[in-house]
Amino acid sequence: MEGLNIQQLLEGTKRFNQLQRELGGITHRTLTKQLREMEERGLVNRKDYKEIPPRVEYRLSPLGQSLESVLLAMHEWGECYGRKVSQKK
């Protein structure tokens, strides 16, 4: 699922609720856990505006942005070979 978070953040800075909507079906708890782990690993930067209501934004760090080419290559592979893999059983 982290790959999906990174993919969404490649589009730019996002707020928590926006990420949750775009990822669809992910729970608040799971997304929070994944974003914290990604922040600890240096993939994501978190900005807390210390406002009420709370406003927190997430964006990829330079390290997180370096994964763009890997994700693009995986997407292209899936487009080319995904059907062949799913048809074989």
Protein backbone atom coordinates (compact mmCIF):
# COMPACT_ATOMS: atom_id res chain seq x y z
CA MET A 1 0.00 0.00 0.00
CA GLU A 2 2.91 2.36 0.55
CA GLY A 3 3.44 2.37 -3.20
CA LEU A 4 -0.04 3.79 -3.61
CA ASN A 5 0.68 6.52 -1.05
CA ILE A 6 3.85 7.44 -2.89
CA GLN A 7 2.04 7.42 -6.21
CA GLN A 8 -0.60 9.84 -4.87
CA LEU A 9 2.06 12.11 -3.37
CA LEU A 10 3.97 12.24 -6.66
CA GLU A 11 1.12 14.49 -7.80
CA GLY A 12 2.03 17.00 -5.08
CA THR A 13 1.35 17.94 -1.49
CA LYS A 14 -1.81 16.39 -0.04
CA ARG A 15 -3.79 16.67 3.15
CA PHE A 16 -4.64 13.54 5.12
CA ASN A 17 -8.35 13.41 4.19
CA GLN A 18 -7.55 14.01 0.53
CA LEU A 19 -5.14 11.06 0.55
CA GLN A 20 -7.69 8.86 2.30
CA ARG A 21 -10.38 9.72 -0.27
CA GLU A 22 -8.06 9.13 -3.21
CA LEU A 23 -6.87 5.79 -1.87
CA GLY A 24 -10.43 4.63 -1.20
CA GLY A 25 -11.06 1.85 1.28
CA ILE A 26 -8.06 2.54 3.52
CA THR A 27 -8.88 3.09 7.16
CA HIS A 28 -7.82 6.19 9.09
CA ARG A 29 -5.67 4.02 11.37
CA THR A 30 -3.90 2.21 8.51
CA LEU A 31 -3.15 5.39 6.59
CA THR A 32 -1.86 7.10 9.73
CA LYS A 33 0.42 4.15 10.45
CA GLN A 34 1.77 4.03 6.90
CA LEU A 35 2.41 7.77 6.73
CA ARG A 36 4.24 7.68 10.08
CA GLU A 37 6.41 4.79 8.88
CA MET A 38 7.17 6.59 5.64
CA GLU A 39 8.06 9.73 7.59
CA GLU A 40 10.39 7.73 9.87
CA ARG A 41 12.09 6.23 6.80
CA GLY A 42 12.61 9.67 5.30
CA LEU A 43 10.24 9.18 2.36
CA VAL A 44 7.61 11.73 3.42
CA ASN A 45 7.71 15.17 5.00
CA ARG A 46 4.84 16.15 7.30
CA LYS A 47 3.88 19.76 7.94
CA ASP A 48 1.59 20.52 10.88
CA TYR A 49 0.17 24.04 10.72
CA LYS A 50 -0.88 23.92 14.39
CA GLU A 51 -4.32 25.29 13.57
CA ILE A 52 -7.82 24.46 14.71
CA PRO A 53 -9.30 22.62 12.98
CA PRO A 54 -6.07 20.68 12.47
CA ARG A 55 -4.33 21.09 9.12
CA VAL A 56 -1.54 18.69 8.24
CA GLU A 57 0.03 18.26 4.83
CA TYR A 58 2.21 15.49 3.46
CA ARG A 59 4.67 15.65 0.62
CA LEU A 60 7.42 13.42 -0.67
CA SER A 61 10.93 14.11 0.45
CA PRO A 62 13.68 14.06 -2.19
CA LEU A 63 14.28 10.41 -1.22
CA GLY A 64 10.59 9.61 -1.77
CA GLN A 65 10.63 11.44 -5.10
CA SER A 66 13.52 9.26 -6.23
CA LEU A 67 11.07 6.32 -6.36
CA GLU A 68 9.13 7.90 -9.23
CA SER A 69 11.09 6.13 -11.98
CA VAL A 70 10.72 2.77 -10.19
CA LEU A 71 6.95 3.16 -9.88
CA LEU A 72 6.66 4.31 -13.49
CA ALA A 73 8.63 1.27 -14.66
CA MET A 74 6.40 -1.03 -12.61
CA HIS A 75 3.29 0.60 -14.06
CA GLU A 76 4.61 0.19 -17.61
CA TRP A 77 5.46 -3.45 -16.93
CA GLY A 78 1.95 -4.03 -15.63
CA GLU A 79 0.46 -2.43 -18.74
CA CYS A 80 2.55 -4.70 -21.00
CA TYR A 81 2.47 -7.98 -19.08
CA GLY A 82 -0.26 -7.76 -16.44
CA ARG A 83 -2.89 -9.51 -18.54
CA LYS A 84 -0.50 -12.32 -19.48
CA VAL A 85 0.33 -12.94 -15.82
CA SER A 86 -3.31 -12.88 -14.69
CA GLN A 87 -4.41 -15.26 -17.48
CA LYS A 88 -1.96 -17.99 -16.49
CA LYS A 89 -3.12 -20.31 -13.74
